[in-house]
Amino acid sequence: MRANARLLAFALAAVFLLVGREARSQSFAVGGGVAVVNDVGAPSITSGFQTWGGSLFAEMTLDKRVIFQIRGSRFTVRGSGTGAPNIRTTAATATVTYLFSEEWFHAGLSGGIGGYFLRPVTPGPGEEVIDTNEEAFGFTGGLVTIFDLGPRWDLRLEGRGHLIRTNASRKPIELGIAVGYHF
């Protein structure tokens, strides 16, 4: 009897999830983008933008102007010393963004937390491994401008900084462009 009740409860939950519609105020989006990365800790030093990165994200609108986003990023920062190989960084972040909206674009501030996984790339000729593999906690924050391209597509210009709590001081800054699809 209990097995039938569990099966019936599971079937009803599956039907509600598959047939149910999203709330009018709630929308979901997925997307991805590319960014140039400055890892010298100061945006005014433009020569620091020498490495690249990419990201994928999923987000949910919590309120008309509040977005919760989960993002997976991969970017490269410089090694700690002269002659050290670059460090490949994989980040998983969760942020909340508050938007100021106009008719065809939105601009806002975001902040959140993340987990960072730093791995030195294989050293090339004349390079010496100084950095070790690290897993670290960190904070992220930034600015975003979202341009509506249609009812389901948008284009995003993003500036984001990371404060990664590692042995070496890591404060990479990303300037990027991304595309989002809403469903």
N, C-alpha and C. Protein backbone atom coordinates (compact mmCIF):
# COMPACT_ATOMS: atom_id res chain seq x y z
N MET A 1 0.82 -1.19 0.00
CA MET A 1 0.00 0.00 0.00
C MET A 1 0.86 1.26 0.00
N ARG A 2 1.93 1.23 0.87
CA ARG A 2 2.81 2.40 0.93
C ARG A 2 3.55 2.60 -0.39
N ALA A 3 3.92 1.53 -1.05
CA ALA A 3 4.62 1.62 -2.33
C ALA A 3 3.72 2.29 -3.36
N ASN A 4 2.43 1.94 -3.36
CA ASN A 4 1.49 2.56 -4.30
C ASN A 4 1.30 4.05 -3.98
N ALA A 5 1.25 4.39 -2.70
CA ALA A 5 1.09 5.80 -2.32
C ALA A 5 2.32 6.60 -2.75
N ARG A 6 3.50 6.05 -2.58
CA ARG A 6 4.73 6.74 -3.01
C ARG A 6 4.76 6.90 -4.52
N LEU A 7 4.36 5.85 -5.22
CA LEU A 7 4.34 5.91 -6.68
C LEU A 7 3.33 6.95 -7.16
N LEU A 8 2.17 7.00 -6.52
CA LEU A 8 1.15 7.99 -6.88
C LEU A 8 1.65 9.41 -6.58
N ALA A 9 2.30 9.61 -5.44
CA ALA A 9 2.84 10.94 -5.10
C ALA A 9 3.91 11.35 -6.10
N PHE A 10 4.79 10.44 -6.48
CA PHE A 10 5.82 10.73 -7.46
C PHE A 10 5.20 11.07 -8.81
N ALA A 11 4.20 10.32 -9.23
CA ALA A 11 3.53 10.56 -10.52
C ALA A 11 2.85 11.93 -10.53
N LEU A 12 2.17 12.29 -9.43
CA LEU A 12 1.52 13.61 -9.36
C LEU A 12 2.54 14.74 -9.40
N ALA A 13 3.64 14.57 -8.69
CA ALA A 13 4.68 15.60 -8.70
C ALA A 13 5.27 15.75 -10.09
N ALA A 14 5.49 14.63 -10.79
CA ALA A 14 6.03 14.68 -12.15
C ALA A 14 5.06 15.38 -13.10
N VAL A 15 3.78 15.09 -12.97
CA VAL A 15 2.77 15.74 -13.82
C VAL A 15 2.75 17.25 -13.57
N PHE A 16 2.77 17.67 -12.31
CA PHE A 16 2.76 19.11 -12.00
C PHE A 16 4.01 19.80 -12.53
N LEU A 17 5.16 19.14 -12.43
CA LEU A 17 6.40 19.75 -12.91
C LEU A 17 6.43 19.83 -14.43
N LEU A 18 5.93 18.80 -15.10
CA LEU A 18 5.98 18.78 -16.56
C LEU A 18 4.89 19.63 -17.20
N VAL A 19 3.73 19.68 -16.61
CA VAL A 19 2.60 20.39 -17.19
C VAL A 19 2.49 21.82 -16.66
N GLY A 20 2.99 22.04 -15.46
CA GLY A 20 2.85 23.35 -14.83
C GLY A 20 3.52 24.46 -15.62
N ARG A 21 3.00 25.65 -15.48
CA ARG A 21 3.55 26.82 -16.16
C ARG A 21 4.30 27.66 -15.14
N GLU A 22 5.27 28.43 -15.63
CA GLU A 22 6.01 29.30 -14.74
C GLU A 22 5.13 30.46 -14.30
N ALA A 23 5.44 31.01 -13.14
CA ALA A 23 4.72 32.18 -12.66
C ALA A 23 4.99 33.36 -13.59
N ARG A 24 4.04 34.26 -13.73
CA ARG A 24 4.20 35.38 -14.64
C ARG A 24 5.41 36.24 -14.30
N SER A 25 5.69 36.43 -13.05
CA SER A 25 6.80 37.29 -12.67
C SER A 25 8.13 36.56 -12.69
N GLN A 26 8.09 35.27 -12.88
CA GLN A 26 9.32 34.49 -12.81
C GLN A 26 9.74 34.08 -14.21
N SER A 27 10.98 34.40 -14.57
CA SER A 27 11.50 33.92 -15.84
C SER A 27 12.87 33.33 -15.60
N PHE A 28 13.27 32.49 -16.51
CA PHE A 28 14.55 31.82 -16.43
C PHE A 28 15.35 32.17 -17.67
N ALA A 29 16.66 32.17 -17.54
CA ALA A 29 17.53 32.45 -18.68
C ALA A 29 18.79 31.61 -18.57
N VAL A 30 19.36 31.33 -19.72
CA VAL A 30 20.66 30.68 -19.80
C VAL A 30 21.48 31.45 -20.83
N GLY A 31 22.79 31.34 -20.74
CA GLY A 31 23.62 32.04 -21.70
C GLY A 31 25.08 31.79 -21.48
N GLY A 32 25.88 32.52 -22.23
CA GLY A 32 27.32 32.40 -22.13
C GLY A 32 28.00 33.62 -22.71
N GLY A 33 29.28 33.74 -22.39
CA GLY A 33 30.01 34.89 -22.88
C GLY A 33 31.50 34.70 -22.81
N VAL A 34 32.22 35.73 -23.28
CA VAL A 34 33.68 35.77 -23.24
C VAL A 34 34.11 37.05 -22.55
N ALA A 35 35.32 37.03 -22.00
CA ALA A 35 35.82 38.20 -21.28
C ALA A 35 37.33 38.29 -21.42
N VAL A 36 37.82 39.51 -21.34
CA VAL A 36 39.24 39.76 -21.23
C VAL A 36 39.52 39.96 -19.75
N VAL A 37 40.66 39.45 -19.25
CA VAL A 37 40.92 39.41 -17.82
C VAL A 37 42.17 40.22 -17.49
N ASN A 38 42.06 41.08 -16.47
CA ASN A 38 43.17 41.85 -15.92
C ASN A 38 43.42 41.29 -14.53
N ASP A 39 44.60 40.76 -14.30
CA ASP A 39 44.86 40.15 -13.00
C ASP A 39 45.94 40.89 -12.22
N VAL A 40 46.15 42.18 -12.52
CA VAL A 40 47.15 42.94 -11.77
C VAL A 40 46.52 43.72 -10.62
N GLY A 41 45.20 43.62 -10.47
CA GLY A 41 44.53 44.21 -9.30
C GLY A 41 44.11 45.64 -9.46
N ALA A 42 44.34 46.25 -10.63
CA ALA A 42 43.94 47.64 -10.83
C ALA A 42 43.44 47.82 -12.25
N PRO A 43 42.19 48.28 -12.43
CA PRO A 43 41.67 48.44 -13.79
C PRO A 43 42.36 49.57 -14.55
N SER A 44 43.04 50.47 -13.85
CA SER A 44 43.70 51.58 -14.53
C SER A 44 44.96 51.13 -15.27
N ILE A 45 45.47 49.95 -14.95
CA ILE A 45 46.64 49.42 -15.65
C ILE A 45 46.12 48.59 -16.81
N THR A 46 45.92 49.22 -17.96
CA THR A 46 45.29 48.54 -19.09
C THR A 46 46.19 47.49 -19.71
N SER A 47 47.49 47.55 -19.47
CA SER A 47 48.37 46.51 -20.01
C SER A 47 48.14 45.17 -19.30
N GLY A 48 47.40 45.19 -18.20
CA GLY A 48 47.12 43.96 -17.46
C GLY A 48 46.09 43.08 -18.12
N PHE A 49 45.33 43.59 -19.11
CA PHE A 49 44.31 42.80 -19.79
C PHE A 49 44.99 41.95 -20.87
N GLN A 50 45.61 40.84 -20.45
CA GLN A 50 46.36 40.03 -21.40
C GLN A 50 45.85 38.60 -21.51
N THR A 51 44.92 38.20 -20.68
CA THR A 51 44.41 36.83 -20.75
C THR A 51 42.90 36.87 -20.98
N TRP A 52 42.35 35.74 -21.38
CA TRP A 52 40.93 35.62 -21.73
C TRP A 52 40.24 34.59 -20.86
N GLY A 53 38.91 34.63 -20.93
CA GLY A 53 38.11 33.65 -20.22
C GLY A 53 36.74 33.51 -20.86
N GLY A 54 35.99 32.55 -20.38
CA GLY A 54 34.64 32.32 -20.86
C GLY A 54 33.76 31.86 -19.72
N SER A 55 32.45 31.96 -19.92
CA SER A 55 31.52 31.55 -18.85
C SER A 55 30.20 31.09 -19.43
N LEU A 56 29.50 30.28 -18.63
CA LEU A 56 28.13 29.87 -18.90
C LEU A 56 27.32 30.20 -17.65
N PHE A 57 26.06 30.61 -17.82
CA PHE A 57 25.26 30.96 -16.66
C PHE A 57 23.83 30.49 -16.82
N ALA A 58 23.17 30.38 -15.66
CA ALA A 58 21.73 30.13 -15.58
C ALA A 58 21.21 31.09 -14.52
N GLU A 59 20.07 31.68 -14.80
CA GLU A 59 19.55 32.65 -13.85
C GLU A 59 18.04 32.56 -13.75
N MET A 60 17.57 33.08 -12.62
CA MET A 60 16.14 33.10 -12.34
C MET A 60 15.78 34.48 -11.82
N THR A 61 14.70 35.04 -12.34
CA THR A 61 14.21 36.33 -11.86
C THR A 61 13.44 36.10 -10.57
N LEU A 62 13.92 36.71 -9.49
CA LEU A 62 13.26 36.57 -8.19
C LEU A 62 12.16 37.62 -8.02
N ASP A 63 12.39 38.79 -8.57
CA ASP A 63 11.46 39.90 -8.51
C ASP A 63 11.67 40.69 -9.79
N LYS A 64 10.84 41.68 -10.04
CA LYS A 64 10.93 42.43 -11.29
C LYS A 64 12.34 42.98 -11.53
N ARG A 65 13.06 43.34 -10.48
CA ARG A 65 14.38 43.94 -10.62
C ARG A 65 15.50 43.14 -9.94
N VAL A 66 15.22 41.93 -9.50
CA VAL A 66 16.22 41.14 -8.78
C VAL A 66 16.42 39.80 -9.48
N ILE A 67 17.69 39.50 -9.78
CA ILE A 67 18.04 38.27 -10.50
C ILE A 67 19.03 37.46 -9.67
N PHE A 68 18.78 36.16 -9.56
CA PHE A 68 19.72 35.22 -8.94
C PHE A 68 20.41 34.47 -10.06
N GLN A 69 21.74 34.44 -10.05
CA GLN A 69 22.48 33.80 -11.13
C GLN A 69 23.53 32.83 -10.59
N ILE A 70 23.64 31.70 -11.26
CA ILE A 70 24.71 30.74 -11.02
C ILE A 70 25.56 30.73 -12.27
N ARG A 71 26.88 30.87 -12.10
CA ARG A 71 27.78 31.00 -13.25
C ARG A 71 28.99 30.10 -13.07
N GLY A 72 29.34 29.44 -14.14
CA GLY A 72 30.58 28.68 -14.20
C GLY A 72 31.52 29.40 -15.15
N SER A 73 32.72 29.73 -14.69
CA SER A 73 33.67 30.49 -15.50
C SER A 73 35.01 29.75 -15.55
N ARG A 74 35.71 30.03 -16.62
CA ARG A 74 37.08 29.54 -16.74
C ARG A 74 37.90 30.67 -17.35
N PHE A 75 38.93 31.07 -16.62
CA PHE A 75 39.80 32.14 -17.11
C PHE A 75 41.23 31.88 -16.64
N THR A 76 42.15 32.66 -17.16
CA THR A 76 43.56 32.47 -16.86
C THR A 76 44.10 33.72 -16.18
N VAL A 77 44.89 33.52 -15.15
CA VAL A 77 45.61 34.62 -14.50
C VAL A 77 47.10 34.32 -14.59
N ARG A 78 47.91 35.34 -14.41
CA ARG A 78 49.35 35.17 -14.50
C ARG A 78 49.89 34.42 -13.28
N GLY A 79 51.02 33.77 -13.47
CA GLY A 79 51.68 33.10 -12.36
C GLY A 79 52.22 34.12 -11.36
N SER A 80 52.60 33.65 -10.18
CA SER A 80 53.01 34.54 -9.10
C SER A 80 54.34 35.22 -9.33
N GLY A 81 55.25 34.60 -10.04
CA GLY A 81 56.57 35.19 -10.19
C GLY A 81 56.97 35.32 -11.64
N THR A 82 58.10 35.98 -11.86
CA THR A 82 58.65 36.11 -13.20
C THR A 82 59.05 34.73 -13.70
N GLY A 83 58.63 34.39 -14.88
CA GLY A 83 58.95 33.08 -15.44
C GLY A 83 58.05 31.97 -14.97
N ALA A 84 56.98 32.29 -14.25
CA ALA A 84 56.03 31.26 -13.80
C ALA A 84 54.94 31.09 -14.86
N PRO A 85 54.48 29.86 -15.07
CA PRO A 85 53.40 29.66 -16.05
C PRO A 85 52.09 30.25 -15.55
N ASN A 86 51.19 30.55 -16.50
CA ASN A 86 49.87 31.06 -16.13
C ASN A 86 49.11 30.03 -15.31
N ILE A 87 48.06 30.52 -14.64
CA ILE A 87 47.23 29.66 -13.79
C ILE A 87 45.82 29.63 -14.37
N ARG A 88 45.35 28.44 -14.68
CA ARG A 88 43.98 28.27 -15.18
C ARG A 88 43.05 28.25 -13.97
N THR A 89 42.07 29.13 -13.99
CA THR A 89 41.14 29.28 -12.88
C THR A 89 39.74 28.84 -13.31
N THR A 90 39.15 27.95 -12.56
CA THR A 90 37.77 27.54 -12.77
C THR A 90 36.98 28.06 -11.59
N ALA A 91 35.90 28.79 -11.87
CA ALA A 91 35.12 29.42 -10.81
C ALA A 91 33.66 28.99 -10.90
N ALA A 92 33.05 28.78 -9.76
CA ALA A 92 31.60 28.55 -9.66
C ALA A 92 31.09 29.61 -8.70
N THR A 93 30.26 30.54 -9.23
CA THR A 93 29.79 31.66 -8.42
C THR A 93 28.27 31.71 -8.36
N ALA A 94 27.77 32.28 -7.29
CA ALA A 94 26.33 32.53 -7.11
C ALA A 94 26.21 34.01 -6.76
N THR A 95 25.44 34.75 -7.58
CA THR A 95 25.30 36.19 -7.37
C THR A 95 23.84 36.61 -7.37
N VAL A 96 23.61 37.77 -6.79
CA VAL A 96 22.31 38.42 -6.85
C VAL A 96 22.54 39.78 -7.50
N THR A 97 21.71 40.13 -8.47
CA THR A 97 21.83 41.39 -9.20
C THR A 97 20.58 42.21 -9.00
N TYR A 98 20.77 43.50 -8.72
CA TYR A 98 19.65 44.45 -8.64
C TYR A 98 19.72 45.32 -9.88
N LEU A 99 18.62 45.39 -10.65
CA LEU A 99 18.59 46.11 -11.91
C LEU A 99 17.76 47.39 -11.83
N PHE A 100 18.24 48.40 -12.53
CA PHE A 100 17.48 49.61 -12.79
C PHE A 100 17.02 49.49 -14.23
N SER A 101 15.72 49.54 -14.48
CA SER A 101 15.19 49.20 -15.80
C SER A 101 14.69 50.41 -16.57
N GLU A 102 14.94 50.37 -17.86
CA GLU A 102 14.36 51.27 -18.84
C GLU A 102 13.61 50.40 -19.84
N GLU A 103 13.05 51.02 -20.86
CA GLU A 103 12.21 50.27 -21.79
C GLU A 103 12.97 49.17 -22.53
N TRP A 104 14.18 49.45 -23.00
CA TRP A 104 14.91 48.49 -23.83
C TRP A 104 16.25 48.06 -23.25
N PHE A 105 16.61 48.55 -22.08
CA PHE A 105 17.83 48.08 -21.44
C PHE A 105 17.68 48.14 -19.93
N HIS A 106 18.58 47.43 -19.26
CA HIS A 106 18.61 47.36 -17.80
C HIS A 106 20.07 47.46 -17.36
N ALA A 107 20.32 48.14 -16.28
CA ALA A 107 21.67 48.25 -15.74
C ALA A 107 21.61 47.96 -14.26
N GLY A 108 22.66 47.33 -13.73
CA GLY A 108 22.58 47.00 -12.33
C GLY A 108 23.91 46.62 -11.71
N LEU A 109 23.79 46.34 -10.42
CA LEU A 109 24.92 45.96 -9.58
C LEU A 109 24.74 44.52 -9.14
N SER A 110 25.84 43.78 -9.08
CA SER A 110 25.74 42.39 -8.62
C SER A 110 26.80 42.11 -7.57
N GLY A 111 26.52 41.13 -6.74
CA GLY A 111 27.46 40.70 -5.72
C GLY A 111 27.17 39.28 -5.33
N GLY A 112 28.21 38.56 -4.91
CA GLY A 112 28.00 37.19 -4.51
C GLY A 112 29.26 36.52 -4.02
N ILE A 113 29.18 35.19 -3.94
CA ILE A 113 30.28 34.37 -3.43
C ILE A 113 30.63 33.32 -4.47
N GLY A 114 31.80 32.72 -4.29
CA GLY A 114 32.20 31.70 -5.24
C GLY A 114 33.26 30.76 -4.71
N GLY A 115 33.39 29.65 -5.41
CA GLY A 115 34.46 28.70 -5.18
C GLY A 115 35.40 28.76 -6.36
N TYR A 116 36.70 28.81 -6.10
CA TYR A 116 37.70 28.99 -7.15
C TYR A 116 38.71 27.84 -7.08
N PHE A 117 39.04 27.31 -8.24
CA PHE A 117 39.96 26.19 -8.35
C PHE A 117 41.09 26.63 -9.28
N LEU A 118 42.29 26.80 -8.73
CA LEU A 118 43.43 27.33 -9.47
C LEU A 118 44.42 26.22 -9.76
N ARG A 119 44.78 26.05 -11.03
CA ARG A 119 45.70 25.01 -11.47
C ARG A 119 46.73 25.62 -12.42
N PRO A 120 48.03 25.56 -12.08
CA PRO A 120 49.05 26.06 -13.01
C PRO A 120 49.05 25.23 -14.30
N VAL A 121 49.21 25.90 -15.44
CA VAL A 121 49.30 25.18 -16.71
C VAL A 121 50.68 24.56 -16.81
N THR A 122 50.83 23.62 -17.71
CA THR A 122 52.12 22.95 -17.89
C THR A 122 53.17 23.98 -18.27
N PRO A 123 54.30 24.00 -17.56
CA PRO A 123 55.31 25.02 -17.86
C PRO A 123 55.93 24.84 -19.24
N GLY A 124 56.20 25.96 -19.86
CA GLY A 124 56.87 25.95 -21.15
C GLY A 124 58.37 26.05 -20.96
N PRO A 125 59.12 26.17 -22.05
CA PRO A 125 60.58 26.28 -21.94
C PRO A 125 60.97 27.52 -21.13
N GLY A 126 61.82 27.33 -20.16
CA GLY A 126 62.30 28.45 -19.35
C GLY A 126 61.36 28.87 -18.24
N GLU A 127 60.24 28.18 -18.08
CA GLU A 127 59.29 28.53 -17.02
C GLU A 127 59.47 27.57 -15.84
N GLU A 128 59.27 28.10 -14.67
CA GLU A 128 59.41 27.31 -13.45
C GLU A 128 58.10 27.37 -12.67
N VAL A 129 57.60 26.22 -12.23
CA VAL A 129 56.35 26.17 -11.48
C VAL A 129 56.59 26.73 -10.08
N ILE A 130 55.91 27.81 -9.77
CA ILE A 130 55.99 28.44 -8.44
C ILE A 130 54.70 28.19 -7.67
N ASP A 131 53.58 28.30 -8.38
CA ASP A 131 52.26 28.17 -7.75
C ASP A 131 51.86 26.71 -7.63
N THR A 132 51.07 26.42 -6.61
CA THR A 132 50.55 25.07 -6.41
C THR A 132 49.06 25.05 -6.74
N ASN A 133 48.52 23.85 -6.86
CA ASN A 133 47.07 23.72 -7.04
C ASN A 133 46.38 24.24 -5.77
N GLU A 134 45.35 25.05 -5.96
CA GLU A 134 44.63 25.60 -4.81
C GLU A 134 43.13 25.56 -5.05
N GLU A 135 42.39 25.38 -3.98
CA GLU A 135 40.95 25.55 -3.96
C GLU A 135 40.69 26.66 -2.96
N ALA A 136 39.89 27.65 -3.35
CA ALA A 136 39.72 28.81 -2.47
C ALA A 136 38.29 29.33 -2.53
N PHE A 137 37.91 30.01 -1.48
CA PHE A 137 36.64 30.71 -1.38
C PHE A 137 36.90 32.16 -1.79
N GLY A 138 35.88 32.82 -2.33
CA GLY A 138 36.08 34.21 -2.70
C GLY A 138 34.78 34.95 -2.86
N PHE A 139 34.92 36.21 -3.18
CA PHE A 139 33.78 37.10 -3.39
C PHE A 139 33.84 37.65 -4.80
N THR A 140 32.70 38.00 -5.35
CA THR A 140 32.63 38.60 -6.68
C THR A 140 31.59 39.71 -6.67
N GLY A 141 31.82 40.69 -7.50
CA GLY A 141 30.88 41.80 -7.62
C GLY A 141 31.12 42.53 -8.92
N GLY A 142 30.14 43.28 -9.36
CA GLY A 142 30.35 44.00 -10.61
C GLY A 142 29.16 44.77 -11.08
N LEU A 143 29.28 45.21 -12.34
CA LEU A 143 28.25 45.98 -13.02
C LEU A 143 27.82 45.23 -14.27
N VAL A 144 26.55 45.36 -14.63
CA VAL A 144 26.04 44.72 -15.84
C VAL A 144 25.06 45.67 -16.53
N THR A 145 25.10 45.67 -17.84
CA THR A 145 24.10 46.36 -18.65
C THR A 145 23.52 45.33 -19.61
N ILE A 146 22.22 45.21 -19.62
CA ILE A 146 21.53 44.21 -20.43
C ILE A 146 20.67 44.93 -21.47
N PHE A 147 20.91 44.64 -22.75
CA PHE A 147 20.13 45.22 -23.84
C PHE A 147 19.18 44.16 -24.38
N ASP A 148 17.89 44.46 -24.42
CA ASP A 148 16.90 43.53 -24.94
C ASP A 148 16.99 43.51 -26.46
N LEU A 149 17.25 42.33 -27.04
CA LEU A 149 17.32 42.19 -28.49
C LEU A 149 16.01 41.68 -29.07
N GLY A 150 15.13 41.23 -28.26
CA GLY A 150 13.84 40.69 -28.66
C GLY A 150 13.16 40.16 -27.43
N PRO A 151 12.04 39.46 -27.60
CA PRO A 151 11.33 38.97 -26.42
C PRO A 151 12.10 37.88 -25.67
N ARG A 152 13.01 37.17 -26.31
CA ARG A 152 13.70 36.07 -25.64
C ARG A 152 15.23 36.24 -25.57
N TRP A 153 15.81 37.16 -26.32
CA TRP A 153 17.26 37.30 -26.38
C TRP A 153 17.72 38.62 -25.78
N ASP A 154 18.90 38.60 -25.17
CA ASP A 154 19.50 39.85 -24.70
C ASP A 154 21.00 39.80 -24.88
N LEU A 155 21.61 40.99 -24.91
CA LEU A 155 23.05 41.15 -25.01
C LEU A 155 23.52 41.84 -23.74
N ARG A 156 24.60 41.34 -23.15
CA ARG A 156 25.05 41.87 -21.86
C ARG A 156 26.50 42.36 -21.95
N LEU A 157 26.72 43.53 -21.40
CA LEU A 157 28.07 44.05 -21.20
C LEU A 157 28.34 43.97 -19.72
N GLU A 158 29.43 43.30 -19.33
CA GLU A 158 29.67 43.01 -17.92
C GLU A 158 31.07 43.42 -17.50
N GLY A 159 31.16 43.96 -16.31
CA GLY A 159 32.43 44.22 -15.65
C GLY A 159 32.35 43.57 -14.28
N ARG A 160 33.29 42.69 -13.99
CA ARG A 160 33.19 41.91 -12.75
C ARG A 160 34.57 41.79 -12.12
N GLY A 161 34.62 41.90 -10.82
CA GLY A 161 35.86 41.70 -10.09
C GLY A 161 35.74 40.52 -9.15
N HIS A 162 36.85 39.86 -8.89
CA HIS A 162 36.88 38.72 -7.98
C HIS A 162 37.93 38.99 -6.90
N LEU A 163 37.62 38.64 -5.70
CA LEU A 163 38.58 38.68 -4.60
C LEU A 163 38.74 37.23 -4.14
N ILE A 164 39.81 36.60 -4.60
CA ILE A 164 40.03 35.18 -4.35
C ILE A 164 40.99 35.05 -3.16
N ARG A 165 40.56 34.32 -2.16
CA ARG A 165 41.33 34.17 -0.92
C ARG A 165 42.35 33.03 -1.07
N THR A 166 43.47 33.33 -1.74
CA THR A 166 44.53 32.34 -1.94
C THR A 166 45.80 32.80 -1.25
N ASN A 167 46.86 31.96 -1.34
CA ASN A 167 48.14 32.32 -0.75
C ASN A 167 48.71 33.58 -1.38
N ALA A 168 48.62 33.71 -2.70
CA ALA A 168 49.04 34.92 -3.39
C ALA A 168 47.81 35.82 -3.54
N SER A 169 48.01 37.11 -3.55
CA SER A 169 46.88 38.04 -3.70
C SER A 169 46.34 37.95 -5.12
N ARG A 170 45.11 37.52 -5.27
CA ARG A 170 44.47 37.39 -6.58
C ARG A 170 43.21 38.23 -6.60
N LYS A 171 43.19 39.23 -7.48
CA LYS A 171 42.04 40.12 -7.64
C LYS A 171 41.76 40.35 -9.12
N PRO A 172 41.42 39.31 -9.88
CA PRO A 172 41.20 39.49 -11.31
C PRO A 172 39.95 40.32 -11.59
N ILE A 173 40.03 41.08 -12.68
CA ILE A 173 38.91 41.89 -13.16
C ILE A 173 38.58 41.42 -14.57
N GLU A 174 37.30 41.18 -14.83
CA GLU A 174 36.85 40.72 -16.15
C GLU A 174 36.00 41.80 -16.81
N LEU A 175 36.24 42.04 -18.08
CA LEU A 175 35.36 42.87 -18.90
C LEU A 175 34.88 41.98 -20.03
N GLY A 176 33.55 41.80 -20.13
CA GLY A 176 33.06 40.81 -21.07
C GLY A 176 31.77 41.17 -21.76
N ILE A 177 31.42 40.31 -22.68
CA ILE A 177 30.17 40.41 -23.42
C ILE A 177 29.53 39.02 -23.40
N ALA A 178 28.22 39.00 -23.23
CA ALA A 178 27.50 37.72 -23.13
C ALA A 178 26.14 37.83 -23.82
N VAL A 179 25.57 36.70 -24.12
CA VAL A 179 24.24 36.60 -24.73
C VAL A 179 23.40 35.73 -23.81
N GLY A 180 22.14 36.14 -23.59
CA GLY A 180 21.23 35.37 -22.77
C GLY A 180 19.97 35.00 -23.54
N TYR A 181 19.44 33.83 -23.26
CA TYR A 181 18.17 33.36 -23.85
C TYR A 181 17.19 33.12 -22.72
N HIS A 182 16.01 33.76 -22.80
CA HIS A 182 14.97 33.64 -21.77
C HIS A 182 13.90 32.64 -22.20
N PHE A 183 13.45 31.84 -21.24
CA PHE A 183 12.34 30.91 -21.52
C PHE A 183 11.40 30.88 -20.36
